[in-house]
Amino acid sequence: MYNLINCSFVPRLIFKNYFLFLFIVVAFIVNGFFISKIYAEEVVGEITVDTHWVVEGSPYILNEYIYVAPDVTLTIDPGVVVKSLYGGLAIDGKLEALGTEEAPIYFTSFYDDTVGGDTDGVENYCYYNTDEEGNNIGDEICETYEYEPEMEDWNSIIIMSDGVKSTLNNVISKYSKDGLLVTDGASVLSVNFNSDKGIALYGSKGNSFTGLNIPDIEISSDSSANITDANITSEDIGQSSSSVSIYGNSSLVMNNSVVNSNTSSIILYNNSSLVASDLSLDCGGDGIYLYSNSSLILSDTDIKCGVRGIYVHSDSTADISDVKVSGASEAGIMVHGNSGEDAVKITKSEITENENGFIFFRSDIVANQNSIHDNNTSGLTTYDSEQFTLFNYDLGITGITFGVVHLVQPIHCSHLICLVIF
């Protein structure tokens, strides 16, 4: 999706031309129609000195990737509008996008007339109706056409300056192809970033997002982020399998956020970690799915997802407390193939209105002070054929007896009584 090797996609020109027409309104009559068009500053080439984009020069037009050279800062003032057609920003220096709540900065399509005026104008075309022989019939017919903005009208914002932290405050991004990419050791400090496309962090540590509003985020290749007060919601996340993906030795700390998706909410794998609290997850797949030596610390969270609420798999660890899990067609919590007697801890949680409360096999779990009730098939099911241990002080299965625990295969457990009093 991105070229991360040598940024060959970035035009590296040795000059920068500015065509400055500050809000000149051109009016003319074509076939009886009055047409107006805003002409603005077109930016081309490479920015090699510190540059300041101000409201008076707005909107700025990018019809190609604009490359900001190393050790160079591009500062964008509150209220500035940046429009693009097939272009974008490639930051090898520093981006300081300093919008405010009252005057946000916009990155949007060249065809978007809702901000920054009508930069594309309208097109006129004339034609005749013809007969079967191709002869014109009647008078000439003239009509006007104005393009509407569409997704993928422009490319992306790419920040790739190793060791440099850029700022994106009160920025609204619309109609891009690839959203925001932070890579190659760069990082971002952001407050109120709002985009109809996602964020990708690739080899990027120390990112911080507060007030995030996006459809999805991908954190990979030794990246890290802290997210607070986010709304990550999408009905269509394309080829992604989840709204939040964390993998490749990456980590996320997430608080007070909402994640809604028609697929899975959060997936982490390959030595990655999630520390989260005060989340609301509503999804069609798995709420949180972790595997391949990954870890989860989760508290004060409400999960309502269609397949499994939480799935801990393949030598991963989880510490789950004060969580409510409901609505899962397979299991509220499934634990599979994790070694260590305290690898999975579940305490003070409510597991209700799922097909099964717990399903676990080839794993030991610690379950304390939970309320497991009103699940359709069972409170707890195991598929183990070998000895297992449920290290339990107060499992908290209410309204049912242990006869409902479904032991599909005969087991050999010297601690069978542990299901009740261990």
Protein backbone atom coordinates (compact mmCIF):
# COMPACT_ATOMS: atom_id res chain seq x y z
CA MET A 1 0.00 0.00 0.00
CA TYR A 2 2.95 2.30 0.76
CA ASN A 3 6.40 2.62 -0.75
CA LEU A 4 8.65 2.58 2.31
CA ILE A 5 12.01 1.98 0.63
CA ASN A 6 13.29 5.17 -0.91
CA CYS A 7 10.21 7.32 -1.23
CA SER A 8 10.44 7.25 -5.00
CA PHE A 9 6.86 8.42 -5.04
CA VAL A 10 8.00 11.85 -3.82
CA PRO A 11 8.90 14.39 -6.49
CA ARG A 12 12.30 15.72 -5.62
CA LEU A 13 12.46 18.88 -7.66
CA ILE A 14 15.00 21.64 -7.05
CA PHE A 15 12.53 24.49 -7.21
CA LYS A 16 9.22 25.54 -5.74
CA ASN A 17 6.76 27.64 -7.73
CA TYR A 18 3.88 29.43 -6.22
CA PHE A 19 0.98 30.62 -8.32
CA LEU A 20 -0.68 33.05 -5.92
CA PHE A 21 -4.11 34.33 -6.72
CA LEU A 22 -5.53 35.44 -3.38
CA PHE A 23 -9.25 34.78 -3.56
CA ILE A 24 -9.72 36.25 -7.04
CA VAL A 25 -13.20 35.62 -8.30
CA VAL A 26 -13.39 35.08 -12.01
CA ALA A 27 -16.85 35.62 -13.42
CA PHE A 28 -17.95 35.01 -16.94
CA ILE A 29 -21.02 34.07 -18.96
CA VAL A 30 -21.10 30.82 -20.94
CA ASN A 31 -24.31 29.94 -22.75
CA GLY A 32 -26.33 31.96 -20.29
CA PHE A 33 -24.70 30.53 -17.12
CA PHE A 34 -22.81 32.56 -14.51
CA ILE A 35 -19.76 30.67 -13.26
CA SER A 36 -17.39 31.59 -10.42
CA LYS A 37 -14.19 29.88 -9.36
CA ILE A 38 -11.71 30.46 -6.56
CA TYR A 39 -8.10 30.45 -7.66
CA ALA A 40 -5.66 29.64 -4.86
CA GLU A 41 -2.00 29.01 -4.25
CA GLU A 42 -0.69 25.91 -5.97
CA VAL A 43 2.33 24.36 -4.25
CA VAL A 44 4.71 22.23 -6.29
CA GLY A 45 7.99 20.48 -5.79
CA GLU A 46 10.14 20.36 -2.67
CA ILE A 47 10.03 22.52 0.46
CA THR A 48 13.66 23.10 1.49
CA VAL A 49 13.32 26.02 3.93
CA ASP A 50 11.05 26.53 6.94
CA THR A 51 7.64 27.41 5.53
CA HIS A 52 4.48 28.86 7.03
CA TRP A 53 1.03 28.34 5.51
CA VAL A 54 -1.42 31.00 6.65
CA VAL A 55 -5.15 31.60 6.24
CA GLU A 56 -4.50 34.50 3.89
CA GLY A 57 -2.90 32.12 1.40
CA SER A 58 -5.54 29.43 1.81
CA PRO A 59 -6.64 27.21 0.17
CA TYR A 60 -3.31 25.62 -0.80
CA ILE A 61 -3.50 23.25 -3.76
CA LEU A 62 -1.34 20.09 -3.96
CA ASN A 63 -1.56 18.28 -7.27
CA GLU A 64 1.49 16.14 -6.52
CA TYR A 65 3.32 14.87 -3.45
CA ILE A 66 4.96 17.84 -1.74
CA TYR A 67 8.19 16.77 -0.07
CA VAL A 68 9.36 18.54 3.09
CA ALA A 69 13.12 18.05 3.34
CA PRO A 70 15.00 16.93 6.49
CA ASP A 71 15.55 19.62 9.15
CA VAL A 72 12.77 21.72 7.59
CA THR A 73 9.51 22.60 9.37
CA LEU A 74 6.20 23.17 7.64
CA THR A 75 3.88 25.09 9.98
CA ILE A 76 0.17 25.32 9.18
CA ASP A 77 -1.97 27.90 10.94
CA PRO A 78 -5.50 27.42 12.32
CA GLY A 79 -8.21 27.61 9.69
CA VAL A 80 -6.00 26.76 6.72
CA VAL A 81 -7.53 24.58 4.00
CA VAL A 82 -5.29 22.27 1.96
CA LYS A 83 -6.85 20.72 -1.14
CA SER A 84 -5.34 18.03 -3.30
CA LEU A 85 -5.96 16.03 -6.44
CA TYR A 86 -3.71 12.94 -6.68
CA GLY A 87 -1.15 14.62 -4.41
CA GLY A 88 -0.31 14.68 -0.71
CA LEU A 89 2.36 15.56 1.84
CA ALA A 90 5.58 13.62 2.45
CA ILE A 91 7.28 14.90 5.60
CA ASP A 92 10.97 14.10 5.99
CA GLY A 93 11.34 17.10 8.29
CA LYS A 94 8.65 18.27 10.71
CA LEU A 95 4.96 19.06 10.35
CA GLU A 96 3.34 21.47 12.80
CA ALA A 97 -0.37 21.50 11.97
CA LEU A 98 -1.71 23.76 14.71
CA GLY A 99 -5.45 23.90 14.29
CA THR A 100 -7.87 24.85 17.04
CA GLU A 101 -11.36 23.62 17.86
CA GLU A 102 -12.76 26.91 16.56
CA ALA A 103 -10.56 26.92 13.44
CA PRO A 104 -9.52 23.38 12.43
CA ILE A 105 -7.13 22.64 9.57
CA TYR A 106 -8.62 20.76 6.61
CA PHE A 107 -6.92 18.33 4.23
CA THR A 108 -9.47 17.52 1.58
CA SER A 109 -10.27 16.92 -2.07
CA PHE A 110 -9.74 19.53 -4.76
CA TYR A 111 -13.41 19.01 -5.58
CA ASP A 112 -14.64 19.71 -2.04
CA ASP A 113 -16.50 23.02 -2.12
CA THR A 114 -17.68 22.87 1.51
CA VAL A 115 -14.43 24.45 2.75
CA GLY A 116 -12.03 26.83 1.04
CA GLY A 117 -14.46 27.87 -1.70
CA ASP A 118 -15.12 26.43 -5.15
CA THR A 119 -11.64 25.64 -6.46
CA ASP A 120 -12.68 23.46 -9.41
CA GLY A 121 -15.54 25.53 -10.80
CA VAL A 122 -17.96 23.94 -13.24
CA GLU A 123 -17.55 22.53 -16.72
CA ASN A 124 -19.82 23.38 -19.63
CA TYR A 125 -20.53 21.09 -22.51
CA CYS A 126 -22.83 21.46 -25.49
CA TYR A 127 -24.31 18.87 -27.84
CA TYR A 128 -27.04 18.23 -30.39
CA ASN A 129 -29.52 15.45 -30.60
CA THR A 130 -28.96 13.49 -33.78
CA ASP A 131 -31.01 11.33 -36.10
CA GLU A 132 -30.10 7.83 -37.31
CA GLU A 133 -27.86 9.30 -39.99
CA GLY A 134 -25.99 11.43 -37.46
CA ASN A 135 -27.54 14.72 -38.50
CA ASN A 136 -28.15 17.33 -35.86
CA ILE A 137 -31.72 17.78 -34.75
CA GLY A 138 -32.98 21.01 -33.24
CA ASP A 139 -31.04 23.60 -31.31
CA GLU A 140 -27.77 23.11 -29.52
CA ILE A 141 -28.18 21.95 -25.91
CA CYS A 142 -25.73 23.27 -23.30
CA GLU A 143 -25.38 21.97 -19.76
CA THR A 144 -23.03 22.46 -16.83
CA TYR A 145 -21.34 19.80 -14.72
CA GLU A 146 -19.55 20.12 -11.40
CA TYR A 147 -17.40 17.30 -10.00
CA GLU A 148 -18.23 15.99 -6.55
CA PRO A 149 -15.51 14.89 -4.11
CA GLU A 150 -14.93 11.15 -3.79
CA MET A 151 -12.80 8.85 -1.67
CA GLU A 152 -9.23 8.49 -2.99
CA ASP A 153 -9.24 11.89 -4.72
CA TRP A 154 -5.83 12.48 -3.11
CA ASN A 155 -3.20 10.22 -1.61
CA SER A 156 -2.04 10.65 1.99
CA ILE A 157 0.00 12.40 4.63
CA ILE A 158 3.25 10.51 5.15
CA ILE A 159 5.55 11.39 8.05
CA MET A 160 8.92 9.64 7.83
CA SER A 161 11.46 11.81 9.69
CA ASP A 162 13.52 9.58 11.98
CA GLY A 163 13.54 10.80 15.58
CA VAL A 164 11.29 13.80 14.92
CA LYS A 165 7.87 14.28 16.52
CA SER A 166 5.31 16.14 14.42
CA THR A 167 2.09 17.74 15.65
CA LEU A 168 -1.43 17.28 14.27
CA ASN A 169 -3.89 19.26 16.36
CA ASN A 170 -7.53 19.75 15.35
CA VAL A 171 -6.98 18.39 11.86
CA ILE A 172 -9.78 17.10 9.64
CA SER A 173 -8.80 14.84 6.73
CA LYS A 174 -11.33 13.87 4.05
CA TYR A 175 -11.39 11.89 0.78
CA SER A 176 -7.81 10.57 0.90
CA LYS A 177 -6.68 7.18 -0.38
CA ASP A 178 -4.42 6.06 2.48
CA GLY A 179 -5.02 8.43 5.38
CA LEU A 180 -2.04 9.04 7.68
CA LEU A 181 1.17 6.97 7.66
CA VAL A 182 3.85 7.48 10.31
CA THR A 183 7.00 5.46 9.63
CA ASP A 184 10.80 5.17 9.68
CA GLY A 185 11.25 6.32 13.30
CA ALA A 186 8.99 9.35 13.09
CA SER A 187 6.22 9.96 15.63
CA VAL A 188 3.14 12.13 16.12
CA LEU A 189 1.58 14.08 18.97
CA SER A 190 -2.07 14.68 18.11
CA VAL A 191 -5.18 16.18 19.66
CA ASN A 192 -8.50 15.85 17.81
CA PHE A 193 -7.46 14.18 14.58
CA ASN A 194 -10.55 13.36 12.52
CA SER A 195 -10.30 11.32 9.33
CA ASP A 196 -12.50 9.17 7.09
CA LYS A 197 -9.42 6.99 6.42
CA GLY A 198 -7.26 5.15 8.92
CA ILE A 199 -3.82 5.53 10.47
CA ALA A 200 -0.84 3.22 9.93
CA LEU A 201 2.13 3.26 12.32
CA TYR A 202 5.08 1.33 10.90
CA GLY A 203 8.37 1.40 12.80
CA SER A 204 7.12 4.36 14.82
CA LYS A 205 7.43 4.66 18.61
CA GLY A 206 6.04 7.16 21.09
CA ASN A 207 2.88 8.25 19.31
CA SER A 208 0.12 9.94 21.32
CA PHE A 209 -3.46 10.53 20.14
CA THR A 210 -6.17 12.24 22.18
CA GLY A 211 -9.64 12.77 20.77
CA LEU A 212 -9.10 10.47 17.80
CA ASN A 213 -11.96 9.89 15.33
CA ILE A 214 -11.03 7.38 12.60
CA PRO A 215 -12.26 4.10 11.05
CA ASP A 216 -9.20 1.98 11.88
CA ILE A 217 -5.58 1.98 13.04
CA GLU A 218 -2.70 -0.42 12.31
CA ILE A 219 0.27 -0.51 14.70
CA SER A 220 3.10 -2.72 13.46
CA SER A 221 6.83 -3.36 13.12
CA ASP A 222 8.03 -2.32 16.59
CA SER A 223 5.63 0.62 16.94
CA SER A 224 3.91 2.03 20.02
CA ALA A 225 1.03 4.40 20.72
CA ASN A 226 -1.07 5.83 23.52
CA ILE A 227 -4.72 6.50 22.60
CA THR A 228 -7.25 8.31 24.80
CA ASP A 229 -10.83 9.44 24.14
CA ALA A 230 -11.03 7.78 20.73
CA ASN A 231 -13.95 6.81 18.55
CA ILE A 232 -12.78 4.15 16.11
CA THR A 233 -15.84 3.20 14.12
CA SER A 234 -16.32 1.70 10.70
CA GLU A 235 -18.87 -0.39 8.88
CA ASP A 236 -16.38 -1.16 6.13
CA ILE A 237 -12.65 -1.43 6.87
CA GLY A 238 -11.73 -2.94 3.53
CA GLN A 239 -9.21 -5.76 3.68
CA SER A 240 -8.44 -5.22 7.36
CA SER A 241 -9.60 -7.92 9.75
CA SER A 242 -10.15 -5.54 12.66
CA SER A 243 -10.57 -1.89 13.52
CA VAL A 244 -7.44 -1.97 15.70
CA SER A 245 -4.52 -4.19 14.63
CA ILE A 246 -1.37 -4.52 16.76
CA TYR A 247 1.41 -6.84 15.62
CA GLY A 248 5.12 -7.33 15.08
CA ASN A 249 6.43 -6.53 18.59
CA SER A 250 4.18 -3.49 18.92
CA SER A 251 2.22 -2.05 21.84
CA LEU A 252 -0.84 0.06 22.55
CA VAL A 253 -2.12 1.74 25.69
CA MET A 254 -5.78 2.67 25.21
CA ASN A 255 -8.22 4.38 27.57
CA ASN A 256 -11.77 5.73 27.55
CA SER A 257 -12.46 4.79 23.94
CA VAL A 258 -15.13 3.27 21.70
CA VAL A 259 -14.38 0.68 19.00
CA ASN A 260 -17.26 -0.36 16.74
CA SER A 261 -16.83 -2.61 13.72
CA ASN A 262 -18.73 -5.03 11.52
CA THR A 263 -15.70 -7.36 11.81
CA SER A 264 -13.46 -7.69 14.89
CA SER A 265 -12.64 -4.81 17.19
CA ILE A 266 -9.04 -5.50 18.31
CA ILE A 267 -6.51 -8.11 17.16
CA LEU A 268 -2.95 -8.39 18.49
CA TYR A 269 -0.30 -10.97 17.69
CA ASN A 270 3.41 -11.69 17.26
CA ASN A 271 4.78 -10.53 20.63
CA SER A 272 2.51 -7.52 20.95
CA SER A 273 0.67 -6.02 23.90
CA LEU A 274 -2.47 -4.11 24.81
CA VAL A 275 -3.10 -2.33 28.12
CA ALA A 276 -6.63 -0.94 28.11
CA SER A 277 -9.38 0.35 30.38
CA ASP A 278 -12.77 2.01 30.03
CA LEU A 279 -13.44 0.63 26.55
CA SER A 280 -16.72 -0.03 24.79
CA LEU A 281 -16.44 -2.67 22.06
CA ASP A 282 -19.33 -3.50 19.72
CA CYS A 283 -18.51 -5.71 16.76
CA GLY A 284 -19.58 -8.53 14.48
CA GLY A 285 -16.52 -10.72 15.08
CA ASP A 286 -14.19 -11.02 18.08
CA GLY A 287 -13.99 -8.26 20.66
CA ILE A 288 -10.32 -8.86 21.49
CA TYR A 289 -8.31 -11.68 19.89
CA LEU A 290 -4.70 -12.17 20.94
CA TYR A 291 -2.30 -14.91 19.95
CA SER A 292 1.33 -15.79 19.32
CA ASN A 293 3.01 -14.69 22.58
CA SER A 294 0.99 -11.54 23.06
CA SER A 295 -0.38 -10.00 26.25
CA LEU A 296 -3.53 -8.25 27.42
CA ILE A 297 -4.29 -6.24 30.56
CA LEU A 298 -7.94 -5.18 30.44
CA SER A 299 -10.26 -3.54 32.97
CA ASP A 300 -13.57 -1.68 33.22
CA THR A 301 -14.70 -2.63 29.72
CA ASP A 302 -18.00 -3.57 28.07
CA ILE A 303 -17.75 -6.04 25.17
CA LYS A 304 -20.69 -6.97 22.98
CA CYS A 305 -19.44 -8.86 19.94
CA GLY A 306 -20.89 -11.48 17.62
CA VAL A 307 -18.42 -14.41 17.74
CA ARG A 308 -16.23 -14.29 20.87
CA GLY A 309 -15.85 -11.57 23.43
CA ILE A 310 -12.22 -12.34 24.31
CA TYR A 311 -10.09 -15.09 22.73
CA VAL A 312 -6.67 -15.83 24.29
CA HIS A 313 -4.66 -18.24 22.18
CA SER A 314 -1.19 -19.65 21.52
CA ASP A 315 1.03 -18.93 24.54
CA SER A 316 -0.47 -15.55 25.26
CA THR A 317 -1.36 -14.02 28.63
CA ALA A 318 -4.35 -12.05 29.87
CA ASP A 319 -5.28 -10.26 33.08
CA ILE A 320 -8.99 -9.39 32.83
CA SER A 321 -10.95 -7.60 35.55
CA ASP A 322 -14.25 -5.75 35.91
CA VAL A 323 -15.30 -6.61 32.35
CA LYS A 324 -18.77 -7.41 31.03
CA VAL A 325 -18.96 -9.75 28.03
CA SER A 326 -22.22 -10.52 26.23
CA GLY A 327 -23.74 -11.35 22.85
CA ALA A 328 -21.15 -13.88 21.62
CA SER A 329 -22.40 -16.72 19.43
CA GLU A 330 -19.48 -18.99 20.40
CA ALA A 331 -18.18 -17.95 23.81
CA GLY A 332 -17.90 -14.95 26.05
CA ILE A 333 -14.30 -15.90 26.83
CA MET A 334 -12.32 -18.60 25.04
CA VAL A 335 -8.88 -19.69 26.25
CA HIS A 336 -6.80 -22.10 24.19
CA GLY A 337 -3.19 -23.33 24.12
CA ASN A 338 -1.61 -21.11 26.76
CA SER A 339 1.05 -22.43 29.13
CA GLY A 340 1.52 -21.42 32.75
CA GLU A 341 -0.92 -21.85 35.62
CA ASP A 342 -1.53 -18.10 35.93
CA ALA A 343 -1.31 -17.15 32.25
CA VAL A 344 -4.99 -16.19 32.14
CA LYS A 345 -6.65 -14.44 35.09
CA ILE A 346 -10.30 -13.41 35.03
CA THR A 347 -11.69 -11.58 38.05
CA LYS A 348 -14.76 -9.59 39.05
CA SER A 349 -16.27 -9.89 35.57
CA GLU A 350 -19.77 -10.59 34.28
CA ILE A 351 -20.14 -13.15 31.49
CA THR A 352 -23.76 -13.26 30.38
CA GLU A 353 -26.11 -13.83 27.43
CA ASN A 354 -23.52 -15.65 25.33
CA GLU A 355 -23.90 -19.09 23.78
CA ASN A 356 -21.28 -20.32 26.27
CA GLY A 357 -19.79 -18.40 29.14
CA PHE A 358 -16.26 -19.88 29.18
CA ILE A 359 -14.71 -22.29 26.74
CA PHE A 360 -11.18 -23.38 27.59
CA PHE A 361 -8.87 -26.20 26.58
CA ARG A 362 -5.15 -26.92 26.83
CA SER A 363 -4.95 -24.00 29.23
CA ASP A 364 -5.13 -23.35 32.96
CA ILE A 365 -7.00 -20.31 34.17
CA VAL A 366 -7.49 -18.39 37.39
CA ALA A 367 -11.09 -17.22 37.81
CA ASN A 368 -12.15 -15.24 40.89
CA GLN A 369 -15.36 -13.44 41.92
CA ASN A 370 -17.04 -13.59 38.52
CA SER A 371 -20.73 -13.61 37.72
CA ILE A 372 -21.41 -16.17 34.97
CA HIS A 373 -25.13 -16.38 34.29
CA ASP A 374 -27.86 -16.68 31.67
CA ASN A 375 -25.60 -18.11 28.95
CA ASN A 376 -27.56 -20.26 26.51
CA THR A 377 -25.69 -23.60 26.47
CA SER A 378 -23.28 -23.62 29.40
CA GLY A 379 -21.49 -21.52 31.93
CA LEU A 380 -18.24 -23.37 31.31
CA THR A 381 -17.20 -25.85 28.64
CA THR A 382 -13.88 -27.65 28.24
CA TYR A 383 -12.71 -29.83 25.36
CA ASP A 384 -9.65 -31.13 27.19
CA SER A 385 -8.72 -34.81 27.04
CA GLU A 386 -5.73 -34.30 29.31
CA GLN A 387 -5.46 -33.08 32.87
CA PHE A 388 -6.43 -29.47 33.33
CA THR A 389 -6.76 -27.24 36.34
CA LEU A 390 -9.22 -24.45 36.94
CA PHE A 391 -7.53 -22.53 39.72
CA ASN A 392 -10.70 -21.15 41.21
CA TYR A 393 -11.56 -19.39 44.41
CA ASP A 394 -15.00 -18.11 43.45
CA LEU A 395 -15.99 -18.88 39.88
CA GLY A 396 -19.39 -17.33 40.42
CA ILE A 397 -21.58 -19.45 38.14
CA THR A 398 -25.08 -18.50 39.18
CA GLY A 399 -28.47 -19.97 38.38
CA ILE A 400 -27.04 -23.28 37.09
CA THR A 401 -25.33 -26.39 38.45
CA PHE A 402 -21.99 -27.84 37.52
CA GLY A 403 -23.88 -30.53 35.65
CA VAL A 404 -24.18 -28.02 32.85
CA VAL A 405 -20.41 -27.90 32.49
CA HIS A 406 -19.92 -29.72 29.21
CA LEU A 407 -17.06 -32.20 29.26
CA VAL A 408 -17.04 -33.34 25.65
CA GLN A 409 -14.32 -35.93 26.17
CA PRO A 410 -13.46 -37.89 29.31
CA ILE A 411 -10.80 -36.15 31.30
CA HIS A 412 -8.25 -37.25 33.84
CA CYS A 413 -8.14 -34.58 36.46
CA SER A 414 -6.91 -35.32 39.94
CA HIS A 415 -8.27 -31.91 40.81
CA LEU A 416 -11.78 -32.44 39.49
CA ILE A 417 -13.09 -31.13 42.79
CA CYS A 418 -11.22 -27.90 41.96
CA LEU A 419 -14.13 -26.97 39.75
CA VAL A 420 -16.04 -26.38 42.95
CA ILE A 421 -13.72 -25.51 45.82
CA PHE A 422 -10.03 -25.44 44.79
